Amino acid sequence: KIALCFLTTRDITHLRLWEEWWSGNEDKISIHVHYSPDKKKNITQNILKQNRIPITIPTSWGDVSLVRAESLLYKHALMDRSVAFVALLSPSDIPIRTFTSTYRYIMGSRRSFANAMEDHDIISDARKNQYLCSEHLKQTPICLAHTKQYNIEHGCYPISQWKILNRRDAKQFVTMFRDRSFVRLFTTECMDIEPSAVAA
């Protein structure tokens, strides 16, 4: 299955498109939804209410809470052993190819899909690979020690939060939050990114 993980604060904009897309293929997907407790008033669609995961947290735009919510979605989705991929979706996303075409492509690849900002020159050449302990960032002893510990002193760059991960990578994503020092590295010690980007 492909787990469709909706991280949202409101109704799905084009729900009918999604329903038509997966119609007849419900056995090949599972749906998981996260919205903050304070966003319940914005949610009217039954599909979101019925598939909301049991544990949710308050989220803020451009904050690591969104990454934590993403992890909760994956953790819940991976409880189903038949899930081979997880797809993180926003309420405004739409499918642009048929279900069969999309399913075959994803399942046939066996790899994860992530939109690296570096690949699209969204950040300047001067800032590429300089998101950790560079002249732009806090160069605290703790930051320097942790980046060396995790072997990420170089080659670190932001990616879009919206992605498709295979089961192995989704498990690693969930496991990441067990390492408190690693999470602290990206939340309090070594961050200097635009508000629209979230370290993951």
N, C-alpha and C. Protein backbone atom coordinates (compact mmCIF):
# COMPACT_ATOMS: atom_id res chain seq x y z
N LYS A 1 0.82 -1.20 0.00
CA LYS A 1 0.00 0.00 0.00
C LYS A 1 0.86 1.26 0.00
N ILE A 2 0.24 2.35 -0.44
CA ILE A 2 0.81 3.67 -0.27
C ILE A 2 -0.02 4.37 0.80
N ALA A 3 0.62 4.81 1.87
CA ALA A 3 -0.08 5.53 2.92
C ALA A 3 -0.15 7.00 2.55
N LEU A 4 -1.34 7.51 2.39
CA LEU A 4 -1.54 8.93 2.08
C LEU A 4 -1.68 9.67 3.40
N CYS A 5 -0.68 10.47 3.73
CA CYS A 5 -0.61 11.13 5.03
C CYS A 5 -0.88 12.62 4.85
N PHE A 6 -2.06 13.04 5.24
CA PHE A 6 -2.45 14.44 5.09
C PHE A 6 -2.10 15.23 6.36
N LEU A 7 -1.19 16.18 6.21
CA LEU A 7 -0.82 17.09 7.30
C LEU A 7 -1.54 18.40 7.01
N THR A 8 -2.58 18.70 7.79
CA THR A 8 -3.45 19.79 7.40
C THR A 8 -3.96 20.60 8.58
N THR A 9 -4.51 21.75 8.27
CA THR A 9 -5.19 22.57 9.28
C THR A 9 -6.60 22.92 8.80
N ARG A 10 -6.98 22.33 7.63
CA ARG A 10 -8.29 22.64 7.05
C ARG A 10 -8.71 21.51 6.13
N ASP A 11 -9.89 21.65 5.53
CA ASP A 11 -10.40 20.64 4.62
C ASP A 11 -9.53 20.50 3.38
N ILE A 12 -9.59 19.32 2.75
CA ILE A 12 -8.90 19.10 1.49
C ILE A 12 -9.59 19.93 0.41
N THR A 13 -8.82 20.71 -0.31
CA THR A 13 -9.38 21.65 -1.27
C THR A 13 -10.12 20.97 -2.41
N HIS A 14 -9.53 19.90 -2.96
CA HIS A 14 -10.12 19.21 -4.10
C HIS A 14 -10.37 17.74 -3.76
N LEU A 15 -11.20 17.53 -2.77
CA LEU A 15 -11.46 16.18 -2.29
C LEU A 15 -12.04 15.29 -3.39
N ARG A 16 -12.92 15.84 -4.22
CA ARG A 16 -13.54 15.02 -5.27
C ARG A 16 -12.49 14.44 -6.21
N LEU A 17 -11.46 15.21 -6.53
CA LEU A 17 -10.37 14.71 -7.38
C LEU A 17 -9.69 13.51 -6.74
N TRP A 18 -9.42 13.61 -5.44
CA TRP A 18 -8.79 12.50 -4.74
C TRP A 18 -9.68 11.26 -4.72
N GLU A 19 -10.96 11.47 -4.45
CA GLU A 19 -11.89 10.33 -4.38
C GLU A 19 -12.01 9.64 -5.73
N GLU A 20 -12.02 10.41 -6.79
CA GLU A 20 -12.05 9.83 -8.14
C GLU A 20 -10.73 9.12 -8.45
N TRP A 21 -9.65 9.68 -7.96
CA TRP A 21 -8.31 9.14 -8.22
C TRP A 21 -8.15 7.75 -7.62
N TRP A 22 -8.55 7.59 -6.36
CA TRP A 22 -8.32 6.28 -5.72
C TRP A 22 -9.52 5.35 -5.82
N SER A 23 -10.60 5.78 -6.45
CA SER A 23 -11.79 4.94 -6.58
C SER A 23 -11.46 3.60 -7.25
N GLY A 24 -11.86 2.51 -6.61
CA GLY A 24 -11.58 1.18 -7.12
C GLY A 24 -10.24 0.64 -6.71
N ASN A 25 -9.43 1.47 -6.05
CA ASN A 25 -8.09 1.04 -5.61
C ASN A 25 -7.90 1.23 -4.11
N GLU A 26 -9.00 1.23 -3.38
CA GLU A 26 -8.93 1.46 -1.93
C GLU A 26 -8.07 0.43 -1.21
N ASP A 27 -7.93 -0.76 -1.79
CA ASP A 27 -7.11 -1.81 -1.16
C ASP A 27 -5.62 -1.53 -1.30
N LYS A 28 -5.26 -0.55 -2.12
CA LYS A 28 -3.84 -0.23 -2.35
C LYS A 28 -3.38 1.01 -1.60
N ILE A 29 -4.28 1.61 -0.83
CA ILE A 29 -3.92 2.82 -0.08
C ILE A 29 -4.41 2.71 1.37
N SER A 30 -3.85 3.54 2.21
CA SER A 30 -4.42 3.79 3.53
C SER A 30 -4.32 5.30 3.74
N ILE A 31 -5.24 5.84 4.52
CA ILE A 31 -5.31 7.29 4.71
C ILE A 31 -5.09 7.62 6.18
N HIS A 32 -4.21 8.59 6.41
CA HIS A 32 -3.87 9.01 7.78
C HIS A 32 -3.87 10.53 7.80
N VAL A 33 -4.45 11.11 8.84
CA VAL A 33 -4.64 12.55 8.88
C VAL A 33 -4.17 13.12 10.21
N HIS A 34 -3.45 14.23 10.14
CA HIS A 34 -3.07 14.96 11.35
C HIS A 34 -3.54 16.40 11.22
N TYR A 35 -4.32 16.84 12.21
CA TYR A 35 -4.61 18.27 12.35
C TYR A 35 -4.63 18.59 13.83
N SER A 36 -4.18 19.78 14.15
CA SER A 36 -4.03 20.19 15.55
C SER A 36 -5.37 20.20 16.26
N PRO A 37 -5.36 19.94 17.56
CA PRO A 37 -6.61 19.99 18.33
C PRO A 37 -7.35 21.31 18.17
N ASP A 38 -6.60 22.41 18.04
CA ASP A 38 -7.25 23.72 17.92
C ASP A 38 -7.77 24.01 16.51
N LYS A 39 -7.57 23.06 15.58
CA LYS A 39 -8.04 23.26 14.21
C LYS A 39 -9.30 22.45 13.90
N LYS A 40 -9.87 21.81 14.90
CA LYS A 40 -11.05 20.97 14.68
C LYS A 40 -12.17 21.74 14.02
N LYS A 41 -12.31 22.99 14.37
CA LYS A 41 -13.40 23.81 13.82
C LYS A 41 -13.26 24.02 12.33
N ASN A 42 -12.04 23.86 11.79
CA ASN A 42 -11.82 24.04 10.35
C ASN A 42 -12.10 22.77 9.55
N ILE A 43 -12.29 21.66 10.23
CA ILE A 43 -12.43 20.37 9.56
C ILE A 43 -13.89 19.96 9.49
N THR A 44 -14.40 19.81 8.28
CA THR A 44 -15.80 19.39 8.10
C THR A 44 -15.93 18.08 7.33
N GLN A 45 -14.87 17.67 6.63
CA GLN A 45 -14.95 16.48 5.78
C GLN A 45 -14.82 15.21 6.61
N ASN A 46 -15.73 14.28 6.39
CA ASN A 46 -15.75 13.04 7.16
C ASN A 46 -14.48 12.23 6.98
N ILE A 47 -13.91 12.25 5.76
CA ILE A 47 -12.72 11.44 5.51
C ILE A 47 -11.55 11.89 6.38
N LEU A 48 -11.50 13.18 6.70
CA LEU A 48 -10.46 13.68 7.59
C LEU A 48 -10.75 13.31 9.03
N LYS A 49 -11.98 13.47 9.44
CA LYS A 49 -12.36 13.14 10.81
C LYS A 49 -12.18 11.66 11.11
N GLN A 50 -12.59 10.82 10.16
CA GLN A 50 -12.56 9.38 10.37
C GLN A 50 -11.16 8.79 10.35
N ASN A 51 -10.23 9.46 9.67
CA ASN A 51 -8.87 8.94 9.53
C ASN A 51 -7.83 9.73 10.32
N ARG A 52 -8.30 10.56 11.24
CA ARG A 52 -7.37 11.31 12.09
C ARG A 52 -6.63 10.34 13.01
N ILE A 53 -5.32 10.50 13.08
CA ILE A 53 -4.53 9.59 13.93
C ILE A 53 -4.83 9.87 15.40
N PRO A 54 -4.65 8.87 16.27
CA PRO A 54 -5.03 9.01 17.68
C PRO A 54 -4.26 10.08 18.44
N ILE A 55 -2.98 10.25 18.11
CA ILE A 55 -2.14 11.22 18.82
C ILE A 55 -1.81 12.37 17.89
N THR A 56 -2.21 13.59 18.28
CA THR A 56 -1.88 14.78 17.50
C THR A 56 -1.29 15.83 18.42
N ILE A 57 -0.60 16.80 17.83
CA ILE A 57 0.03 17.85 18.61
C ILE A 57 -0.27 19.21 17.99
N PRO A 58 -0.17 20.28 18.76
CA PRO A 58 -0.30 21.62 18.18
C PRO A 58 0.86 21.88 17.22
N THR A 59 0.58 22.50 16.10
CA THR A 59 1.61 22.79 15.12
C THR A 59 1.62 24.28 14.78
N SER A 60 2.79 24.75 14.35
CA SER A 60 2.95 26.13 13.92
C SER A 60 3.69 26.16 12.60
N TRP A 61 3.33 27.08 11.75
CA TRP A 61 3.95 27.18 10.43
C TRP A 61 5.45 27.48 10.56
N GLY A 62 6.25 26.75 9.80
CA GLY A 62 7.69 26.95 9.81
C GLY A 62 8.37 26.49 11.07
N ASP A 63 7.72 25.62 11.84
CA ASP A 63 8.24 25.19 13.13
C ASP A 63 8.50 23.69 13.10
N VAL A 64 9.40 23.23 13.96
CA VAL A 64 9.73 21.81 14.01
C VAL A 64 8.53 20.96 14.42
N SER A 65 7.50 21.58 14.98
CA SER A 65 6.29 20.84 15.35
C SER A 65 5.67 20.17 14.12
N LEU A 66 5.83 20.77 12.96
CA LEU A 66 5.32 20.16 11.73
C LEU A 66 6.06 18.87 11.41
N VAL A 67 7.35 18.84 11.69
CA VAL A 67 8.14 17.64 11.45
C VAL A 67 7.76 16.56 12.47
N ARG A 68 7.49 16.97 13.69
CA ARG A 68 7.03 16.01 14.70
C ARG A 68 5.67 15.42 14.31
N ALA A 69 4.78 16.26 13.81
CA ALA A 69 3.48 15.78 13.36
C ALA A 69 3.64 14.81 12.19
N GLU A 70 4.56 15.12 11.29
CA GLU A 70 4.87 14.23 10.18
C GLU A 70 5.31 12.87 10.69
N SER A 71 6.17 12.89 11.71
CA SER A 71 6.65 11.64 12.29
C SER A 71 5.50 10.83 12.89
N LEU A 72 4.57 11.49 13.54
CA LEU A 72 3.40 10.81 14.12
C LEU A 72 2.56 10.15 13.03
N LEU A 73 2.42 10.82 11.90
CA LEU A 73 1.68 10.25 10.78
C LEU A 73 2.36 8.97 10.27
N TYR A 74 3.68 9.05 10.09
CA TYR A 74 4.41 7.88 9.60
C TYR A 74 4.34 6.73 10.59
N LYS A 75 4.50 7.05 11.86
CA LYS A 75 4.48 6.01 12.88
C LYS A 75 3.16 5.26 12.86
N HIS A 76 2.08 5.99 12.71
CA HIS A 76 0.75 5.35 12.66
C HIS A 76 0.59 4.54 11.37
N ALA A 77 1.04 5.09 10.26
CA ALA A 77 0.91 4.41 8.97
C ALA A 77 1.70 3.11 8.95
N LEU A 78 2.88 3.12 9.55
CA LEU A 78 3.77 1.95 9.51
C LEU A 78 3.28 0.80 10.39
N MET A 79 2.27 1.05 11.18
CA MET A 79 1.68 -0.04 11.96
C MET A 79 1.05 -1.08 11.04
N ASP A 80 0.68 -0.64 9.84
CA ASP A 80 0.16 -1.55 8.82
C ASP A 80 1.35 -2.11 8.05
N ARG A 81 1.61 -3.40 8.21
CA ARG A 81 2.79 -4.01 7.60
C ARG A 81 2.74 -4.03 6.07
N SER A 82 1.57 -3.80 5.51
CA SER A 82 1.45 -3.81 4.05
C SER A 82 1.81 -2.47 3.43
N VAL A 83 2.06 -1.46 4.25
CA VAL A 83 2.45 -0.14 3.74
C VAL A 83 3.90 -0.17 3.28
N ALA A 84 4.11 0.08 2.00
CA ALA A 84 5.46 0.09 1.44
C ALA A 84 6.02 1.50 1.28
N PHE A 85 5.12 2.48 1.13
CA PHE A 85 5.51 3.88 0.97
C PHE A 85 4.57 4.77 1.77
N VAL A 86 5.11 5.90 2.21
CA VAL A 86 4.29 6.94 2.83
C VAL A 86 4.44 8.20 2.00
N ALA A 87 3.32 8.88 1.75
CA ALA A 87 3.34 10.13 0.99
C ALA A 87 2.79 11.23 1.87
N LEU A 88 3.60 12.26 2.12
CA LEU A 88 3.14 13.39 2.93
C LEU A 88 2.45 14.39 2.01
N LEU A 89 1.20 14.74 2.36
CA LEU A 89 0.38 15.58 1.48
C LEU A 89 -0.19 16.77 2.24
N SER A 90 -0.34 17.87 1.53
CA SER A 90 -1.00 19.04 2.08
C SER A 90 -2.45 19.04 1.59
N PRO A 91 -3.31 19.86 2.17
CA PRO A 91 -4.71 19.88 1.73
C PRO A 91 -4.91 20.46 0.34
N SER A 92 -3.90 21.13 -0.20
CA SER A 92 -4.04 21.72 -1.53
C SER A 92 -3.41 20.88 -2.63
N ASP A 93 -2.74 19.78 -2.28
CA ASP A 93 -2.15 18.91 -3.28
C ASP A 93 -3.23 18.23 -4.11
N ILE A 94 -2.90 17.92 -5.37
CA ILE A 94 -3.81 17.16 -6.23
C ILE A 94 -3.02 16.13 -7.02
N PRO A 95 -3.64 15.00 -7.34
CA PRO A 95 -2.97 14.01 -8.21
C PRO A 95 -3.06 14.49 -9.65
N ILE A 96 -1.99 14.32 -10.42
CA ILE A 96 -1.99 14.78 -11.81
C ILE A 96 -1.84 13.63 -12.80
N ARG A 97 -1.60 12.42 -12.32
CA ARG A 97 -1.57 11.24 -13.18
C ARG A 97 -2.56 10.22 -12.63
N THR A 98 -2.89 9.25 -13.42
CA THR A 98 -3.85 8.25 -12.98
C THR A 98 -3.30 7.48 -11.79
N PHE A 99 -4.20 6.86 -11.05
CA PHE A 99 -3.75 6.08 -9.91
C PHE A 99 -2.83 4.95 -10.36
N THR A 100 -3.23 4.25 -11.40
CA THR A 100 -2.44 3.11 -11.87
C THR A 100 -1.04 3.53 -12.27
N SER A 101 -0.94 4.63 -13.01
CA SER A 101 0.38 5.13 -13.44
C SER A 101 1.23 5.52 -12.23
N THR A 102 0.63 6.23 -11.30
CA THR A 102 1.36 6.68 -10.10
C THR A 102 1.80 5.49 -9.26
N TYR A 103 0.90 4.57 -9.04
CA TYR A 103 1.18 3.41 -8.20
C TYR A 103 2.32 2.56 -8.79
N ARG A 104 2.23 2.30 -10.07
CA ARG A 104 3.26 1.48 -10.72
C ARG A 104 4.63 2.16 -10.67
N TYR A 105 4.64 3.48 -10.87
CA TYR A 105 5.91 4.21 -10.86
C TYR A 105 6.56 4.17 -9.48
N ILE A 106 5.77 4.45 -8.45
CA ILE A 106 6.31 4.48 -7.09
C ILE A 106 6.76 3.09 -6.66
N MET A 107 5.90 2.11 -6.86
CA MET A 107 6.23 0.75 -6.44
C MET A 107 7.40 0.18 -7.24
N GLY A 108 7.52 0.59 -8.48
CA GLY A 108 8.59 0.07 -9.31
C GLY A 108 9.95 0.67 -9.01
N SER A 109 9.96 1.82 -8.34
CA SER A 109 11.22 2.51 -8.08
C SER A 109 11.94 2.00 -6.85
N ARG A 110 11.16 1.67 -5.82
CA ARG A 110 11.68 1.20 -4.53
C ARG A 110 12.50 2.26 -3.79
N ARG A 111 12.52 3.47 -4.28
CA ARG A 111 13.31 4.52 -3.63
C ARG A 111 12.39 5.62 -3.11
N SER A 112 12.96 6.48 -2.30
CA SER A 112 12.21 7.62 -1.77
C SER A 112 12.31 8.79 -2.73
N PHE A 113 11.36 9.72 -2.62
CA PHE A 113 11.33 10.89 -3.48
C PHE A 113 11.29 12.14 -2.60
N ALA A 114 12.26 13.01 -2.75
CA ALA A 114 12.30 14.25 -1.98
C ALA A 114 12.77 15.38 -2.89
N ASN A 115 12.19 16.55 -2.73
CA ASN A 115 12.52 17.70 -3.56
C ASN A 115 13.60 18.53 -2.87
N ALA A 116 14.84 18.28 -3.23
CA ALA A 116 15.96 19.01 -2.63
C ALA A 116 16.04 20.41 -3.21
N MET A 117 16.04 21.40 -2.32
CA MET A 117 16.10 22.78 -2.78
C MET A 117 17.38 23.07 -3.53
N GLU A 118 18.45 22.39 -3.16
CA GLU A 118 19.72 22.61 -3.83
C GLU A 118 19.62 22.28 -5.31
N ASP A 119 18.82 21.28 -5.64
CA ASP A 119 18.70 20.85 -7.03
C ASP A 119 18.01 21.89 -7.90
N HIS A 120 17.27 22.80 -7.27
CA HIS A 120 16.49 23.75 -8.05
C HIS A 120 16.95 25.19 -7.83
N ASP A 121 18.13 25.34 -7.26
CA ASP A 121 18.72 26.68 -7.09
C ASP A 121 17.81 27.63 -6.33
N ILE A 122 17.03 27.09 -5.40
CA ILE A 122 16.18 27.95 -4.58
C ILE A 122 17.03 28.75 -3.61
N ILE A 123 18.14 28.17 -3.20
CA ILE A 123 19.05 28.91 -2.33
C ILE A 123 20.29 29.26 -3.14
N SER A 124 20.94 30.33 -2.76
CA SER A 124 22.08 30.81 -3.53
C SER A 124 23.27 29.87 -3.38
N ASP A 125 24.17 29.94 -4.36
CA ASP A 125 25.37 29.11 -4.31
C ASP A 125 26.17 29.35 -3.05
N ALA A 126 26.18 30.59 -2.58
CA ALA A 126 26.96 30.94 -1.41
C ALA A 126 26.44 30.25 -0.15
N ARG A 127 25.14 29.89 -0.15
CA ARG A 127 24.55 29.30 1.05
C ARG A 127 24.36 27.80 0.94
N LYS A 128 24.57 27.25 -0.25
CA LYS A 128 24.43 25.81 -0.39
C LYS A 128 25.42 25.10 0.52
N ASN A 129 24.95 24.05 1.14
CA ASN A 129 25.79 23.23 2.02
C ASN A 129 26.37 24.02 3.19
N GLN A 130 25.76 25.15 3.54
CA GLN A 130 26.29 25.94 4.64
C GLN A 130 25.22 26.17 5.70
N TYR A 131 24.37 25.19 5.89
CA TYR A 131 23.29 25.35 6.84
C TYR A 131 23.65 24.85 8.23
N LEU A 132 24.87 24.37 8.38
CA LEU A 132 25.30 23.91 9.69
C LEU A 132 26.68 24.46 10.01
N CYS A 133 26.77 25.16 11.12
CA CYS A 133 28.05 25.62 11.65
C CYS A 133 28.90 26.36 10.61
N SER A 134 28.28 27.17 9.80
CA SER A 134 29.03 28.00 8.86
C SER A 134 29.06 29.42 9.42
N GLU A 135 29.57 30.35 8.63
CA GLU A 135 29.63 31.73 9.08
C GLU A 135 28.23 32.32 9.28
N HIS A 136 27.23 31.68 8.69
CA HIS A 136 25.86 32.17 8.81
C HIS A 136 25.17 31.67 10.08
N LEU A 137 25.79 30.74 10.75
CA LEU A 137 25.12 30.06 11.86
C LEU A 137 25.84 30.22 13.18
N LYS A 138 25.14 29.82 14.24
CA LYS A 138 25.75 29.82 15.56
C LYS A 138 26.86 28.77 15.58
N GLN A 139 28.04 29.18 15.89
CA GLN A 139 29.15 28.22 15.92
C GLN A 139 29.48 27.87 17.38
N THR A 140 28.51 27.34 18.06
CA THR A 140 28.72 26.97 19.45
C THR A 140 29.51 25.67 19.52
N PRO A 141 30.22 25.44 20.61
CA PRO A 141 30.96 24.18 20.77
C PRO A 141 30.05 22.97 20.65
N ILE A 142 28.83 23.06 21.20
CA ILE A 142 27.90 21.93 21.15
C ILE A 142 27.50 21.65 19.70
N CYS A 143 27.22 22.71 18.97
CA CYS A 143 26.84 22.56 17.56
C CYS A 143 27.97 21.89 16.78
N LEU A 144 29.17 22.39 16.96
CA LEU A 144 30.32 21.83 16.24
C LEU A 144 30.54 20.37 16.60
N ALA A 145 30.40 20.05 17.88
CA ALA A 145 30.61 18.68 18.33
C ALA A 145 29.57 17.73 17.75
N HIS A 146 28.31 18.19 17.74
CA HIS A 146 27.24 17.33 17.25
C HIS A 146 27.30 17.12 15.74
N THR A 147 27.63 18.15 15.00
CA THR A 147 27.72 17.96 13.55
C THR A 147 28.86 17.00 13.21
N LYS A 148 29.92 17.05 13.99
CA LYS A 148 31.03 16.11 13.77
C LYS A 148 30.61 14.70 14.16
N GLN A 149 29.88 14.59 15.28
CA GLN A 149 29.42 13.29 15.77
C GLN A 149 28.55 12.58 14.73
N TYR A 150 27.68 13.34 14.08
CA TYR A 150 26.77 12.74 13.11
C TYR A 150 27.31 12.81 11.68
N ASN A 151 28.53 13.26 11.53
CA ASN A 151 29.19 13.30 10.22
C ASN A 151 28.40 14.14 9.22
N ILE A 152 27.90 15.28 9.68
CA ILE A 152 27.16 16.17 8.79
C ILE A 152 27.77 17.57 8.83
N GLU A 153 29.07 17.62 8.93
CA GLU A 153 29.75 18.92 8.94
C GLU A 153 29.62 19.61 7.59
N HIS A 154 29.47 18.84 6.53
CA HIS A 154 29.37 19.40 5.19
C HIS A 154 28.23 18.69 4.44
N GLY A 155 27.81 19.29 3.37
CA GLY A 155 26.82 18.64 2.51
C GLY A 155 25.41 18.64 3.07
N CYS A 156 25.09 19.60 3.92
CA CYS A 156 23.75 19.66 4.48
C CYS A 156 22.96 20.76 3.77
N TYR A 157 21.76 20.44 3.33
CA TYR A 157 20.94 21.44 2.65
C TYR A 157 19.47 21.14 2.91
N PRO A 158 18.60 22.13 2.76
CA PRO A 158 17.19 21.93 3.07
C PRO A 158 16.45 21.22 1.94
N ILE A 159 15.35 20.55 2.30
CA ILE A 159 14.46 19.95 1.31
C ILE A 159 13.04 20.34 1.64
N SER A 160 12.18 20.19 0.66
CA SER A 160 10.76 20.42 0.89
C SER A 160 10.24 19.38 1.87
N GLN A 161 9.28 19.77 2.70
CA GLN A 161 8.71 18.81 3.64
C GLN A 161 7.84 17.79 2.92
N TRP A 162 7.28 18.15 1.79
CA TRP A 162 6.37 17.25 1.07
C TRP A 162 7.19 16.24 0.29
N LYS A 163 6.96 14.96 0.57
CA LYS A 163 7.82 13.92 0.04
C LYS A 163 7.12 12.57 0.02
N ILE A 164 7.76 11.60 -0.60
CA ILE A 164 7.33 10.19 -0.55
C ILE A 164 8.52 9.38 -0.08
N LEU A 165 8.33 8.64 1.00
CA LEU A 165 9.42 7.83 1.56
C LEU A 165 9.08 6.35 1.49
N ASN A 166 10.10 5.54 1.18
CA ASN A 166 9.86 4.10 1.26
C ASN A 166 9.82 3.69 2.73
N ARG A 167 9.44 2.48 2.98
CA ARG A 167 9.21 2.05 4.36
C ARG A 167 10.47 2.17 5.22
N ARG A 168 11.60 1.82 4.66
CA ARG A 168 12.86 1.90 5.41
C ARG A 168 13.16 3.33 5.83
N ASP A 169 13.06 4.26 4.90
CA ASP A 169 13.37 5.65 5.21
C ASP A 169 12.35 6.26 6.16
N ALA A 170 11.09 5.85 6.03
CA ALA A 170 10.06 6.34 6.93
C ALA A 170 10.34 5.88 8.36
N LYS A 171 10.80 4.64 8.50
CA LYS A 171 11.16 4.13 9.82
C LYS A 171 12.31 4.93 10.41
N GLN A 172 13.31 5.24 9.58
CA GLN A 172 14.44 6.02 10.06
C GLN A 172 14.00 7.42 10.47
N PHE A 173 13.05 7.99 9.74
CA PHE A 173 12.53 9.31 10.06
C PHE A 173 11.90 9.29 11.44
N VAL A 174 11.10 8.26 11.71
CA VAL A 174 10.44 8.14 13.02
C VAL A 174 11.48 7.93 14.12
N THR A 175 12.47 7.10 13.84
CA THR A 175 13.50 6.79 14.83
C THR A 175 14.34 8.02 15.18
N MET A 176 14.47 8.95 14.24
CA MET A 176 15.27 10.15 14.45
C MET A 176 14.89 10.88 15.74
N PHE A 177 13.60 10.89 16.06
CA PHE A 177 13.14 11.66 17.21
C PHE A 177 13.46 10.99 18.55
N ARG A 178 13.99 9.78 18.51
CA ARG A 178 14.43 9.14 19.75
C ARG A 178 15.78 9.68 20.21
N ASP A 179 16.51 10.27 19.28
CA ASP A 179 17.83 10.82 19.58
C ASP A 179 17.66 12.30 19.90
N ARG A 180 17.61 12.62 21.19
CA ARG A 180 17.32 13.99 21.60
C ARG A 180 18.40 14.97 21.20
N SER A 181 19.64 14.55 21.22
CA SER A 181 20.71 15.47 20.86
C SER A 181 20.65 15.82 19.38
N PHE A 182 20.25 14.86 18.55
CA PHE A 182 20.13 15.12 17.11
C PHE A 182 19.00 16.10 16.84
N VAL A 183 17.87 15.91 17.51
CA VAL A 183 16.73 16.82 17.34
C VAL A 183 17.10 18.21 17.83
N ARG A 184 17.80 18.28 18.97
CA ARG A 184 18.21 19.57 19.52
C ARG A 184 19.15 20.31 18.56
N LEU A 185 19.97 19.54 17.86
CA LEU A 185 20.89 20.13 16.89
C LEU A 185 20.14 20.96 15.85
N PHE A 186 19.00 20.44 15.39
CA PHE A 186 18.26 21.11 14.32
C PHE A 186 17.19 22.07 14.84
N THR A 187 17.00 22.14 16.14
CA THR A 187 15.94 22.99 16.65
C THR A 187 16.43 24.17 17.48
N THR A 188 17.54 24.00 18.17
CA THR A 188 17.99 25.07 19.05
C THR A 188 19.44 25.48 18.86
N GLU A 189 20.26 24.64 18.26
CA GLU A 189 21.69 24.90 18.22
C GLU A 189 22.20 25.42 16.88
N CYS A 190 21.71 24.87 15.80
CA CYS A 190 22.32 25.16 14.51
C CYS A 190 21.30 25.44 13.42
N MET A 191 20.38 26.33 13.68
CA MET A 191 19.41 26.67 12.65
C MET A 191 19.51 28.14 12.25
N ASP A 192 19.53 28.36 10.97
CA ASP A 192 19.48 29.73 10.46
C ASP A 192 18.85 29.65 9.07
N ILE A 193 17.58 29.31 9.04
CA ILE A 193 16.90 29.11 7.77
C ILE A 193 15.68 30.01 7.67
N GLU A 194 15.21 30.21 6.46
CA GLU A 194 14.04 31.04 6.26
C GLU A 194 12.84 30.40 6.95
N PRO A 195 11.86 31.21 7.39
CA PRO A 195 10.69 30.66 8.09
C PRO A 195 9.92 29.61 7.30
N SER A 196 10.01 29.65 5.99
CA SER A 196 9.24 28.71 5.18
C SER A 196 9.90 27.35 5.07
N ALA A 197 11.15 27.23 5.51
CA ALA A 197 11.86 25.96 5.42
C ALA A 197 11.90 25.29 6.78
N VAL A 198 11.76 24.00 6.79
CA VAL A 198 11.78 23.24 8.05
C VAL A 198 12.85 22.17 7.94
N ALA A 199 13.79 22.14 8.87
CA ALA A 199 14.84 21.12 8.85
C ALA A 199 14.23 19.77 9.14
N ALA A 200 14.59 18.77 8.35
CA ALA A 200 14.06 17.43 8.57
C ALA A 200 15.17 16.41 8.45
